[in-house]
Amino acid sequence: MTASTIPPHEQSDNTDNTESRPHTPPDWWDHHRPITSDEYSDMALMLGALSILTFWMFGLGILLGAAAIGTALAARRPDTPGHDPGDNTAGVVGILTGIAGIAFGAVFLTAALPHL
């Protein structure tokens, strides 16, 4: 048998006793940081896409579409952190997908309710 060239394992600083160390949350877990305009735009897009996908669920698509429009309007507010005054496209896709989800949901409810 030959001797291993891998150095022996030294004891790490990470022990099983976690109570002796202070808890440090990750950097992305900052609850005190305000939501930026780009994050509002992303949320509006996601809610709008979900409203289009769930238009057939008897009103859920309409509710998600309204939430998408509200979130997109929050992204367009001038006092939102990270808002660029020259950027007029913030939240536009969220507004459009929210309107589409509301329209699809309303058409579905109009067509489905007489048959219930």
C-alpha atoms as a PDB file:
ATOM      1  CA  MET A   1       0.000   0.000   0.000  1.00  0.00           C
ATOM      2  CA  THR A   2       1.113   3.512  -0.725  1.00  0.00           C
ATOM      3  CA  ALA A   3       0.813   6.466   1.587  1.00  0.00           C
ATOM      4  CA  SER A   4      -1.838   9.059   0.800  1.00  0.00           C
ATOM      5  CA  THR A   5      -0.693  12.421  -0.454  1.00  0.00           C
ATOM      6  CA  ILE A   6      -3.872  14.104   0.782  1.00  0.00           C
ATOM      7  CA  PRO A   7      -3.179  16.098   3.944  1.00  0.00           C
ATOM      8  CA  PRO A   8      -5.052  14.959   7.038  1.00  0.00           C
ATOM      9  CA  HIS A   9      -8.346  16.666   7.760  1.00  0.00           C
ATOM     10  CA  GLU A  10      -7.962  19.493  10.200  1.00  0.00           C
ATOM     11  CA  GLN A  11     -10.808  20.469  12.473  1.00  0.00           C
ATOM     12  CA  SER A  12     -12.818  23.245  10.899  1.00  0.00           C
ATOM     13  CA  ASP A  13     -14.109  26.314  12.631  1.00  0.00           C
ATOM     14  CA  ASN A  14     -17.668  25.227  11.900  1.00  0.00           C
ATOM     15  CA  THR A  15     -18.613  23.072  14.873  1.00  0.00           C
ATOM     16  CA  ASP A  16     -21.979  21.619  15.721  1.00  0.00           C
ATOM     17  CA  ASN A  17     -22.443  24.128  18.522  1.00  0.00           C
ATOM     18  CA  THR A  18     -24.103  27.012  16.689  1.00  0.00           C
ATOM     19  CA  GLU A  19     -25.236  28.826  19.827  1.00  0.00           C
ATOM     20  CA  SER A  20     -21.757  30.186  20.487  1.00  0.00           C
ATOM     21  CA  ARG A  21     -21.689  32.017  17.121  1.00  0.00           C
ATOM     22  CA  PRO A  22     -23.877  35.022  16.356  1.00  0.00           C
ATOM     23  CA  HIS A  23     -26.434  34.507  13.613  1.00  0.00           C
ATOM     24  CA  THR A  24     -25.581  36.389  10.450  1.00  0.00           C
ATOM     25  CA  PRO A  25     -28.282  36.336   7.773  1.00  0.00           C
ATOM     26  CA  PRO A  26     -27.304  36.307   4.104  1.00  0.00           C
ATOM     27  CA  ASP A  27     -26.931  39.624   2.312  1.00  0.00           C
ATOM     28  CA  TRP A  28     -30.073  39.155   0.190  1.00  0.00           C
ATOM     29  CA  TRP A  29     -32.218  38.697   3.314  1.00  0.00           C
ATOM     30  CA  ASP A  30     -32.456  42.385   4.174  1.00  0.00           C
ATOM     31  CA  HIS A  31     -36.010  43.198   5.284  1.00  0.00           C
ATOM     32  CA  HIS A  32     -35.248  46.879   5.771  1.00  0.00           C
ATOM     33  CA  ARG A  33     -34.202  47.496   2.171  1.00  0.00           C
ATOM     34  CA  PRO A  34     -36.961  49.170   0.109  1.00  0.00           C
ATOM     35  CA  ILE A  35     -38.268  47.393  -2.980  1.00  0.00           C
ATOM     36  CA  THR A  36     -36.859  48.975  -6.132  1.00  0.00           C
ATOM     37  CA  SER A  37     -38.686  49.908  -9.316  1.00  0.00           C
ATOM     38  CA  ASP A  38     -37.097  47.001 -11.212  1.00  0.00           C
ATOM     39  CA  GLU A  39     -38.304  44.518  -8.588  1.00  0.00           C
ATOM     40  CA  TYR A  40     -41.827  45.950  -8.779  1.00  0.00           C
ATOM     41  CA  SER A  41     -41.693  45.596 -12.576  1.00  0.00           C
ATOM     42  CA  ASP A  42     -40.578  41.972 -12.271  1.00  0.00           C
ATOM     43  CA  MET A  43     -43.358  41.206  -9.778  1.00  0.00           C
ATOM     44  CA  ALA A  44     -45.911  42.846 -12.080  1.00  0.00           C
ATOM     45  CA  LEU A  45     -44.733  40.741 -15.008  1.00  0.00           C
ATOM     46  CA  MET A  46     -44.941  37.532 -12.956  1.00  0.00           C
ATOM     47  CA  LEU A  47     -48.409  38.364 -11.626  1.00  0.00           C
ATOM     48  CA  GLY A  48     -49.602  39.278 -15.117  1.00  0.00           C
ATOM     49  CA  ALA A  49     -48.279  36.041 -16.573  1.00  0.00           C
ATOM     50  CA  LEU A  50     -49.975  34.083 -13.797  1.00  0.00           C
ATOM     51  CA  SER A  51     -53.220  35.942 -14.449  1.00  0.00           C
ATOM     52  CA  ILE A  52     -53.111  34.881 -18.098  1.00  0.00           C
ATOM     53  CA  LEU A  53     -52.344  31.282 -17.143  1.00  0.00           C
ATOM     54  CA  THR A  54     -55.137  31.123 -14.548  1.00  0.00           C
ATOM     55  CA  PHE A  55     -57.896  32.983 -16.408  1.00  0.00           C
ATOM     56  CA  TRP A  56     -60.035  29.830 -16.372  1.00  0.00           C
ATOM     57  CA  MET A  57     -60.071  29.519 -12.549  1.00  0.00           C
ATOM     58  CA  PHE A  58     -63.282  31.539 -11.992  1.00  0.00           C
ATOM     59  CA  GLY A  59     -61.898  34.893 -10.977  1.00  0.00           C
ATOM     60  CA  LEU A  60     -58.349  34.089  -9.889  1.00  0.00           C
ATOM     61  CA  GLY A  61     -56.968  35.417 -13.161  1.00  0.00           C
ATOM     62  CA  ILE A  62     -58.923  38.631 -12.679  1.00  0.00           C
ATOM     63  CA  LEU A  63     -57.556  39.085  -9.158  1.00  0.00           C
ATOM     64  CA  LEU A  64     -53.987  38.378 -10.263  1.00  0.00           C
ATOM     65  CA  GLY A  65     -54.413  40.767 -13.194  1.00  0.00           C
ATOM     66  CA  ALA A  66     -55.567  43.529 -10.853  1.00  0.00           C
ATOM     67  CA  ALA A  67     -52.576  42.825  -8.586  1.00  0.00           C
ATOM     68  CA  ALA A  68     -50.273  42.990 -11.623  1.00  0.00           C
ATOM     69  CA  ILE A  69     -51.659  46.370 -12.636  1.00  0.00           C
ATOM     70  CA  GLY A  70     -51.327  47.717  -9.093  1.00  0.00           C
ATOM     71  CA  THR A  71     -47.753  46.465  -8.784  1.00  0.00           C
ATOM     72  CA  ALA A  72     -46.842  47.918 -12.187  1.00  0.00           C
ATOM     73  CA  LEU A  73     -48.292  51.280 -11.192  1.00  0.00           C
ATOM     74  CA  ALA A  74     -46.183  51.153  -8.025  1.00  0.00           C
ATOM     75  CA  ALA A  75     -43.116  50.599 -10.240  1.00  0.00           C
ATOM     76  CA  ARG A  76     -43.975  53.733 -12.214  1.00  0.00           C
ATOM     77  CA  ARG A  77     -44.326  56.003  -9.176  1.00  0.00           C
ATOM     78  CA  PRO A  78     -41.643  58.710  -9.119  1.00  0.00           C
ATOM     79  CA  ASP A  79     -40.864  58.202  -5.415  1.00  0.00           C
ATOM     80  CA  THR A  80     -40.104  54.465  -5.811  1.00  0.00           C
ATOM     81  CA  PRO A  81     -36.408  53.741  -5.046  1.00  0.00           C
ATOM     82  CA  GLY A  82     -34.373  53.124  -8.172  1.00  0.00           C
ATOM     83  CA  HIS A  83     -36.901  54.818 -10.460  1.00  0.00           C
ATOM     84  CA  ASP A  84     -35.311  56.420 -13.513  1.00  0.00           C
ATOM     85  CA  PRO A  85     -37.319  59.525 -14.519  1.00  0.00           C
ATOM     86  CA  GLY A  86     -36.353  59.071 -18.177  1.00  0.00           C
ATOM     87  CA  ASP A  87     -37.499  55.432 -18.284  1.00  0.00           C
ATOM     88  CA  ASN A  88     -41.146  55.296 -19.334  1.00  0.00           C
ATOM     89  CA  THR A  89     -41.166  51.531 -19.856  1.00  0.00           C
ATOM     90  CA  ALA A  90     -41.112  50.547 -16.165  1.00  0.00           C
ATOM     91  CA  GLY A  91     -44.070  48.289 -15.503  1.00  0.00           C
ATOM     92  CA  VAL A  92     -45.621  48.582 -18.977  1.00  0.00           C
ATOM     93  CA  VAL A  93     -45.392  44.837 -19.640  1.00  0.00           C
ATOM     94  CA  GLY A  94     -46.967  44.168 -16.227  1.00  0.00           C
ATOM     95  CA  ILE A  95     -49.842  46.500 -17.044  1.00  0.00           C
ATOM     96  CA  LEU A  96     -50.382  44.852 -20.445  1.00  0.00           C
ATOM     97  CA  THR A  97     -50.275  41.289 -19.082  1.00  0.00           C
ATOM     98  CA  GLY A  98     -52.579  42.293 -16.215  1.00  0.00           C
ATOM     99  CA  ILE A  99     -55.093  43.775 -18.644  1.00  0.00           C
ATOM    100  CA  ALA A 100     -54.873  40.637 -20.812  1.00  0.00           C
ATOM    101  CA  GLY A 101     -55.449  38.384 -17.784  1.00  0.00           C
ATOM    102  CA  ILE A 102     -58.466  40.449 -16.705  1.00  0.00           C
ATOM    103  CA  ALA A 103     -59.877  40.409 -20.244  1.00  0.00           C
ATOM    104  CA  PHE A 104     -59.378  36.646 -20.680  1.00  0.00           C
ATOM    105  CA  GLY A 105     -60.913  35.997 -17.247  1.00  0.00           C
ATOM    106  CA  ALA A 106     -63.905  38.206 -17.948  1.00  0.00           C
ATOM    107  CA  VAL A 107     -64.525  36.528 -21.317  1.00  0.00           C
ATOM    108  CA  PHE A 108     -64.248  33.108 -19.691  1.00  0.00           C
ATOM    109  CA  LEU A 109     -66.629  34.022 -16.868  1.00  0.00           C
ATOM    110  CA  THR A 110     -69.098  35.518 -19.349  1.00  0.00           C
ATOM    111  CA  ALA A 111     -69.027  32.319 -21.408  1.00  0.00           C
ATOM    112  CA  ALA A 112     -68.995  29.850 -18.491  1.00  0.00           C
ATOM    113  CA  LEU A 113     -71.500  31.319 -16.015  1.00  0.00           C
ATOM    114  CA  PRO A 114     -74.647  30.655 -18.116  1.00  0.00           C
ATOM    115  CA  HIS A 115     -73.718  26.966 -18.238  1.00  0.00           C
ATOM    116  CA  LEU A 116     -73.368  26.470 -14.488  1.00  0.00           C
END
